[in-house]
């Protein structure tokens, strides 16, 4: 029974990796798009963190 479970999980992981790395008509994959957008997301999260820290400092004073 465990062997079947491992086979099913392995097949699901292999399909997921295949789907994420599959190239579209433009030659980009989902992973490529995420990696391209990651710096922008990091900068927006840093800004959000700084804003939250400023609000917490303002409430403490």
Protein backbone atom coordinates (compact mmCIF):
# COMPACT_ATOMS: atom_id res chain seq x y z
CA UNK A 1 0.00 0.00 0.00
CA UNK A 2 2.86 2.39 0.78
CA UNK A 3 4.43 1.66 -2.59
CA UNK A 4 1.25 2.77 -4.37
CA UNK A 5 1.15 5.91 -2.27
CA UNK A 6 4.76 6.75 -3.17
CA UNK A 7 4.08 6.08 -6.85
CA UNK A 8 1.06 8.39 -6.79
CA UNK A 9 2.95 11.15 -4.98
CA UNK A 10 5.91 10.80 -7.34
CA UNK A 11 3.64 11.01 -10.37
CA UNK A 12 1.94 14.12 -8.97
CA UNK A 13 5.29 15.80 -8.28
CA UNK A 14 6.60 14.91 -11.74
CA UNK A 15 3.44 16.33 -13.36
CA UNK A 16 3.71 19.51 -11.27
CA UNK A 17 7.34 20.07 -12.22
CA UNK A 18 6.52 19.39 -15.86
CA UNK A 19 3.62 21.89 -15.75
CA UNK A 20 5.68 24.60 -14.05
CA UNK A 21 8.60 24.29 -16.46
CA UNK A 22 6.56 23.88 -19.66
CA UNK A 23 7.24 26.68 -22.15
CA UNK A 24 4.35 28.70 -23.59
CA UNK A 25 4.15 30.29 -27.04
CA UNK A 26 6.47 33.12 -25.94
CA UNK A 27 9.11 30.71 -24.68
CA UNK A 28 8.57 31.50 -21.01
CA UNK A 29 7.53 29.12 -18.26
CA UNK A 30 5.64 29.84 -15.05
CA UNK A 31 8.92 29.53 -13.13
CA UNK A 32 10.54 32.12 -15.40
CA UNK A 33 7.66 34.54 -14.82
CA UNK A 34 7.86 34.11 -11.05
CA UNK A 35 11.63 34.62 -11.04
CA UNK A 36 11.26 37.76 -13.15
CA UNK A 37 8.66 39.23 -10.79
CA UNK A 38 10.39 38.21 -7.53
CA UNK A 39 12.50 41.40 -7.10
CA UNK A 40 9.41 43.58 -7.51
CA UNK A 41 7.54 41.52 -4.93
CA UNK A 42 10.48 41.73 -2.52
CA UNK A 43 10.61 45.52 -2.87
CA UNK A 44 6.87 45.87 -2.29
CA UNK A 45 7.10 43.63 0.77
CA UNK A 46 9.97 45.71 2.15
CA UNK A 47 7.89 48.86 1.67
CA UNK A 48 4.92 47.22 3.39
CA UNK A 49 7.16 46.18 6.30
CA UNK A 50 8.56 49.68 6.67
CA UNK A 51 5.06 51.18 6.63
CA UNK A 52 3.87 48.71 9.26
CA UNK A 53 6.91 49.47 11.42
CA UNK A 54 6.28 53.21 11.16
CA UNK A 55 2.62 52.73 12.14
CA UNK A 56 3.63 50.60 15.13
CA UNK A 57 6.15 53.24 16.24
CA UNK A 58 3.52 55.96 15.87
CA UNK A 59 1.07 54.03 18.04
CA UNK A 60 3.73 53.39 20.69
CA UNK A 61 4.54 57.08 21.05
